[in-house]
Amino acid sequence: MLNPANPEFWVLVSFIGFVLMMMYFGVPKLIGGALDARADAIRKELDDARKLREEAQQLLADYQKKSREAEDEAKSIIDQARREAEALAADTRKNLAEQVARRSKIAEEKIARAEAQALSEVRGSAIDAAMAAAEKILATRLQASGSDPLLAQGLADIKRKLN
């Protein structure tokens, strides 16, 4: 098997020589150093990615918190506006009812005054008509009897007292 005439022997010798030469010149150290440097670079990239991920999670948590706070504030504003609108509606209904009552009272007072005035006018007209009729009747009766000045004075006194 280890025959120098065999080409496999020379392949084995050259392979062993190549490996020894590589070890002599420190190629494994170079390869190991390159691999260590690459591992350190990958580790650094992983650490940076982890930090970025933690920052992104923190920002997301902050934005979610702000979003919840904004929603709570919006609900609070809406509730307050609803309460103010209901209070304003109640005040408006109350004021409208008071205004309607006031106007109804004023209208009733106007109607009562108009009725009183109309009644007074009707009474005045009735009194005037009755006075005129009585005056005519008395005038015709007194003309026949001759007491005209007394009748005129009496009628004037009656008119003054009735009006």
C-alpha atoms as a PDB file:
ATOM      1  CA  MET A   1       0.000   0.000   0.000  1.00  0.00           C
ATOM      2  CA  LEU A   2       2.675   2.515   0.690  1.00  0.00           C
ATOM      3  CA  ASN A   3       4.462   1.822  -2.461  1.00  0.00           C
ATOM      4  CA  PRO A   4       6.328   4.826  -3.898  1.00  0.00           C
ATOM      5  CA  ALA A   5       5.547   3.643  -7.338  1.00  0.00           C
ATOM      6  CA  ASN A   6       1.885   3.964  -6.647  1.00  0.00           C
ATOM      7  CA  PRO A   7       0.462   7.386  -7.612  1.00  0.00           C
ATOM      8  CA  GLU A   8      -1.828   7.316  -4.638  1.00  0.00           C
ATOM      9  CA  PHE A   9       1.232   7.339  -2.411  1.00  0.00           C
ATOM     10  CA  TRP A  10       2.439  10.585  -3.940  1.00  0.00           C
ATOM     11  CA  VAL A  11      -1.028  12.104  -3.643  1.00  0.00           C
ATOM     12  CA  LEU A  12      -0.991  11.219   0.037  1.00  0.00           C
ATOM     13  CA  VAL A  13       2.518  12.633   0.548  1.00  0.00           C
ATOM     14  CA  SER A  14       1.670  15.859  -1.258  1.00  0.00           C
ATOM     15  CA  PHE A  15      -1.577  16.227   0.699  1.00  0.00           C
ATOM     16  CA  ILE A  16       0.272  15.763   4.005  1.00  0.00           C
ATOM     17  CA  GLY A  17       2.938  18.216   2.864  1.00  0.00           C
ATOM     18  CA  PHE A  18       0.288  20.723   1.855  1.00  0.00           C
ATOM     19  CA  VAL A  19      -1.458  20.421   5.206  1.00  0.00           C
ATOM     20  CA  LEU A  20       1.882  20.769   7.088  1.00  0.00           C
ATOM     21  CA  MET A  21       2.809  23.812   5.055  1.00  0.00           C
ATOM     22  CA  MET A  22      -0.573  25.393   5.745  1.00  0.00           C
ATOM     23  CA  MET A  23      -0.094  24.824   9.419  1.00  0.00           C
ATOM     24  CA  TYR A  24       3.400  26.212   9.320  1.00  0.00           C
ATOM     25  CA  PHE A  25       2.334  29.474   7.679  1.00  0.00           C
ATOM     26  CA  GLY A  26      -0.718  29.875  10.043  1.00  0.00           C
ATOM     27  CA  VAL A  27      -3.504  29.476   7.546  1.00  0.00           C
ATOM     28  CA  PRO A  28      -5.786  27.898  10.166  1.00  0.00           C
ATOM     29  CA  LYS A  29      -5.238  30.959  12.334  1.00  0.00           C
ATOM     30  CA  LEU A  30      -6.105  33.202   9.397  1.00  0.00           C
ATOM     31  CA  ILE A  31      -9.198  31.203   8.590  1.00  0.00           C
ATOM     32  CA  GLY A  32     -10.150  31.024  12.287  1.00  0.00           C
ATOM     33  CA  GLY A  33      -9.566  34.765  12.658  1.00  0.00           C
ATOM     34  CA  ALA A  34     -11.657  35.478   9.577  1.00  0.00           C
ATOM     35  CA  LEU A  35     -14.408  33.223  10.882  1.00  0.00           C
ATOM     36  CA  ASP A  36     -14.201  34.845  14.348  1.00  0.00           C
ATOM     37  CA  ALA A  37     -14.370  38.310  12.781  1.00  0.00           C
ATOM     38  CA  ARG A  38     -17.355  37.251  10.710  1.00  0.00           C
ATOM     39  CA  ALA A  39     -19.026  35.775  13.832  1.00  0.00           C
ATOM     40  CA  ASP A  40     -18.355  39.018  15.733  1.00  0.00           C
ATOM     41  CA  ALA A  41     -19.867  41.060  12.879  1.00  0.00           C
ATOM     42  CA  ILE A  42     -22.946  38.817  12.811  1.00  0.00           C
ATOM     43  CA  ARG A  43     -23.233  39.040  16.618  1.00  0.00           C
ATOM     44  CA  LYS A  44     -22.992  42.832  16.419  1.00  0.00           C
ATOM     45  CA  GLU A  45     -25.660  42.933  13.701  1.00  0.00           C
ATOM     46  CA  LEU A  46     -27.912  40.702  15.835  1.00  0.00           C
ATOM     47  CA  ASP A  47     -27.398  42.991  18.849  1.00  0.00           C
ATOM     48  CA  ASP A  48     -28.220  46.048  16.717  1.00  0.00           C
ATOM     49  CA  ALA A  49     -31.319  44.314  15.340  1.00  0.00           C
ATOM     50  CA  ARG A  50     -32.382  43.357  18.889  1.00  0.00           C
ATOM     51  CA  LYS A  51     -31.951  46.975  20.026  1.00  0.00           C
ATOM     52  CA  LEU A  52     -33.918  48.248  17.024  1.00  0.00           C
ATOM     53  CA  ARG A  53     -36.649  45.718  17.744  1.00  0.00           C
ATOM     54  CA  GLU A  54     -36.845  46.796  21.401  1.00  0.00           C
ATOM     55  CA  GLU A  55     -37.012  50.465  20.341  1.00  0.00           C
ATOM     56  CA  ALA A  56     -39.743  49.651  17.827  1.00  0.00           C
ATOM     57  CA  GLN A  57     -41.701  47.762  20.495  1.00  0.00           C
ATOM     58  CA  GLN A  58     -41.301  50.702  22.887  1.00  0.00           C
ATOM     59  CA  LEU A  59     -42.506  53.143  20.194  1.00  0.00           C
ATOM     60  CA  LEU A  60     -45.447  50.868  19.415  1.00  0.00           C
ATOM     61  CA  ALA A  61     -46.369  50.697  23.104  1.00  0.00           C
ATOM     62  CA  ASP A  62     -46.110  54.507  23.369  1.00  0.00           C
ATOM     63  CA  TYR A  63     -48.303  55.017  20.301  1.00  0.00           C
ATOM     64  CA  GLN A  64     -50.863  52.510  21.572  1.00  0.00           C
ATOM     65  CA  LYS A  65     -50.922  54.277  24.939  1.00  0.00           C
ATOM     66  CA  LYS A  66     -51.352  57.661  23.248  1.00  0.00           C
ATOM     67  CA  SER A  67     -54.074  56.214  21.033  1.00  0.00           C
ATOM     68  CA  ARG A  68     -55.969  54.882  24.060  1.00  0.00           C
ATOM     69  CA  GLU A  69     -55.568  58.228  25.827  1.00  0.00           C
ATOM     70  CA  ALA A  70     -56.831  60.074  22.734  1.00  0.00           C
ATOM     71  CA  GLU A  71     -59.831  57.727  22.481  1.00  0.00           C
ATOM     72  CA  ASP A  72     -60.613  58.227  26.176  1.00  0.00           C
ATOM     73  CA  GLU A  73     -60.330  61.987  25.771  1.00  0.00           C
ATOM     74  CA  ALA A  74     -62.566  61.918  22.690  1.00  0.00           C
ATOM     75  CA  LYS A  75     -65.169  59.865  24.595  1.00  0.00           C
ATOM     76  CA  SER A  76     -64.953  62.311  27.484  1.00  0.00           C
ATOM     77  CA  ILE A  77     -65.441  65.271  25.138  1.00  0.00           C
ATOM     78  CA  ILE A  78     -68.393  63.563  23.449  1.00  0.00           C
ATOM     79  CA  ASP A  79     -70.005  62.745  26.813  1.00  0.00           C
ATOM     80  CA  GLN A  80     -69.515  66.308  28.024  1.00  0.00           C
ATOM     81  CA  ALA A  81     -70.963  67.708  24.781  1.00  0.00           C
ATOM     82  CA  ARG A  82     -73.949  65.354  25.094  1.00  0.00           C
ATOM     83  CA  ARG A  83     -74.578  66.475  28.688  1.00  0.00           C
ATOM     84  CA  GLU A  84     -74.290  70.138  27.687  1.00  0.00           C
ATOM     85  CA  ALA A  85     -76.669  69.608  24.751  1.00  0.00           C
ATOM     86  CA  GLU A  86     -79.205  67.887  27.002  1.00  0.00           C
ATOM     87  CA  ALA A  87     -78.947  70.704  29.565  1.00  0.00           C
ATOM     88  CA  LEU A  88     -79.325  73.297  26.821  1.00  0.00           C
ATOM     89  CA  ALA A  89     -82.353  71.455  25.415  1.00  0.00           C
ATOM     90  CA  ALA A  90     -83.927  71.285  28.878  1.00  0.00           C
ATOM     91  CA  ASP A  91     -83.302  75.007  29.421  1.00  0.00           C
ATOM     92  CA  THR A  92     -84.726  75.780  25.999  1.00  0.00           C
ATOM     93  CA  ARG A  93     -87.852  73.713  26.684  1.00  0.00           C
ATOM     94  CA  LYS A  94     -88.266  75.413  30.070  1.00  0.00           C
ATOM     95  CA  ASN A  95     -87.786  78.898  28.587  1.00  0.00           C
ATOM     96  CA  LEU A  96     -90.176  78.104  25.741  1.00  0.00           C
ATOM     97  CA  ALA A  97     -92.824  76.883  28.197  1.00  0.00           C
ATOM     98  CA  GLU A  98     -92.383  80.037  30.292  1.00  0.00           C
ATOM     99  CA  GLN A  99     -92.588  82.229  27.194  1.00  0.00           C
ATOM    100  CA  VAL A 100     -95.725  80.447  25.962  1.00  0.00           C
ATOM    101  CA  ALA A 101     -97.308  80.829  29.408  1.00  0.00           C
ATOM    102  CA  ARG A 102     -96.378  84.535  29.500  1.00  0.00           C
ATOM    103  CA  ARG A 103     -97.774  85.143  26.027  1.00  0.00           C
ATOM    104  CA  SER A 104    -100.932  83.193  26.838  1.00  0.00           C
ATOM    105  CA  LYS A 105    -101.422  85.308  29.952  1.00  0.00           C
ATOM    106  CA  ILE A 106    -100.851  88.524  27.974  1.00  0.00           C
ATOM    107  CA  ALA A 107    -103.308  87.350  25.298  1.00  0.00           C
ATOM    108  CA  GLU A 108    -105.889  86.469  27.960  1.00  0.00           C
ATOM    109  CA  GLU A 109    -105.427  89.897  29.567  1.00  0.00           C
ATOM    110  CA  LYS A 110    -105.871  91.600  26.176  1.00  0.00           C
ATOM    111  CA  ILE A 111    -109.001  89.552  25.537  1.00  0.00           C
ATOM    112  CA  ALA A 112    -110.351  90.435  28.985  1.00  0.00           C
ATOM    113  CA  ARG A 113    -109.608  94.134  28.401  1.00  0.00           C
ATOM    114  CA  ALA A 114    -111.239  93.984  24.964  1.00  0.00           C
ATOM    115  CA  GLU A 115    -114.286  92.246  26.447  1.00  0.00           C
ATOM    116  CA  ALA A 116    -114.512  94.832  29.216  1.00  0.00           C
ATOM    117  CA  GLN A 117    -114.141  97.662  26.724  1.00  0.00           C
ATOM    118  CA  ALA A 118    -116.744  96.135  24.407  1.00  0.00           C
ATOM    119  CA  LEU A 119    -119.103  95.593  27.342  1.00  0.00           C
ATOM    120  CA  SER A 120    -118.528  99.179  28.464  1.00  0.00           C
ATOM    121  CA  GLU A 121    -119.189 100.449  24.949  1.00  0.00           C
ATOM    122  CA  VAL A 122    -122.334  98.326  24.663  1.00  0.00           C
ATOM    123  CA  ARG A 123    -123.530  99.589  28.061  1.00  0.00           C
ATOM    124  CA  GLY A 124    -122.734 103.138  27.064  1.00  0.00           C
ATOM    125  CA  SER A 125    -124.595 102.712  23.793  1.00  0.00           C
ATOM    126  CA  ALA A 126    -127.519 101.079  25.591  1.00  0.00           C
ATOM    127  CA  ILE A 127    -127.599 103.886  28.155  1.00  0.00           C
ATOM    128  CA  ASP A 128    -127.391 106.507  25.429  1.00  0.00           C
ATOM    129  CA  ALA A 129    -130.180 104.789  23.483  1.00  0.00           C
ATOM    130  CA  ALA A 130    -132.304 104.436  26.625  1.00  0.00           C
ATOM    131  CA  MET A 131    -131.639 108.059  27.544  1.00  0.00           C
ATOM    132  CA  ALA A 132    -132.538 109.244  24.077  1.00  0.00           C
ATOM    133  CA  ALA A 133    -135.748 107.193  24.126  1.00  0.00           C
ATOM    134  CA  ALA A 134    -136.626 108.399  27.624  1.00  0.00           C
ATOM    135  CA  GLU A 135    -135.851 111.952  26.617  1.00  0.00           C
ATOM    136  CA  LYS A 136    -138.128 111.704  23.603  1.00  0.00           C
ATOM    137  CA  ILE A 137    -140.906 110.143  25.621  1.00  0.00           C
ATOM    138  CA  LEU A 138    -140.618 112.679  28.410  1.00  0.00           C
ATOM    139  CA  ALA A 139    -140.252 115.530  25.975  1.00  0.00           C
ATOM    140  CA  THR A 140    -143.407 114.589  24.203  1.00  0.00           C
ATOM    141  CA  ARG A 141    -145.304 114.147  27.478  1.00  0.00           C
ATOM    142  CA  LEU A 142    -143.921 117.337  28.994  1.00  0.00           C
ATOM    143  CA  GLN A 143    -144.539 119.412  25.944  1.00  0.00           C
ATOM    144  CA  ALA A 144    -148.032 118.574  26.459  1.00  0.00           C
ATOM    145  CA  SER A 145    -147.825 119.547  30.131  1.00  0.00           C
ATOM    146  CA  GLY A 146    -145.399 122.575  29.879  1.00  0.00           C
ATOM    147  CA  SER A 147    -142.521 121.698  32.316  1.00  0.00           C
ATOM    148  CA  ASP A 148    -139.711 121.771  29.800  1.00  0.00           C
ATOM    149  CA  PRO A 149    -136.924 123.559  31.803  1.00  0.00           C
ATOM    150  CA  LEU A 150    -137.201 121.162  34.756  1.00  0.00           C
ATOM    151  CA  LEU A 151    -137.123 118.165  32.502  1.00  0.00           C
ATOM    152  CA  ALA A 152    -134.015 119.358  30.703  1.00  0.00           C
ATOM    153  CA  GLN A 153    -132.180 119.886  33.983  1.00  0.00           C
ATOM    154  CA  GLY A 154    -133.213 116.460  35.314  1.00  0.00           C
ATOM    155  CA  LEU A 155    -132.135 114.727  32.165  1.00  0.00           C
ATOM    156  CA  ALA A 156    -128.777 116.490  32.283  1.00  0.00           C
ATOM    157  CA  ASP A 157    -128.298 115.362  35.896  1.00  0.00           C
ATOM    158  CA  ILE A 158    -129.153 111.759  34.981  1.00  0.00           C
ATOM    159  CA  LYS A 159    -126.718 111.779  32.057  1.00  0.00           C
ATOM    160  CA  ARG A 160    -123.963 113.157  34.263  1.00  0.00           C
ATOM    161  CA  LYS A 161    -124.546 110.532  36.948  1.00  0.00           C
ATOM    162  CA  LEU A 162    -124.708 107.586  34.510  1.00  0.00           C
ATOM    163  CA  ASN A 163    -121.599 108.474  32.605  1.00  0.00           C
END
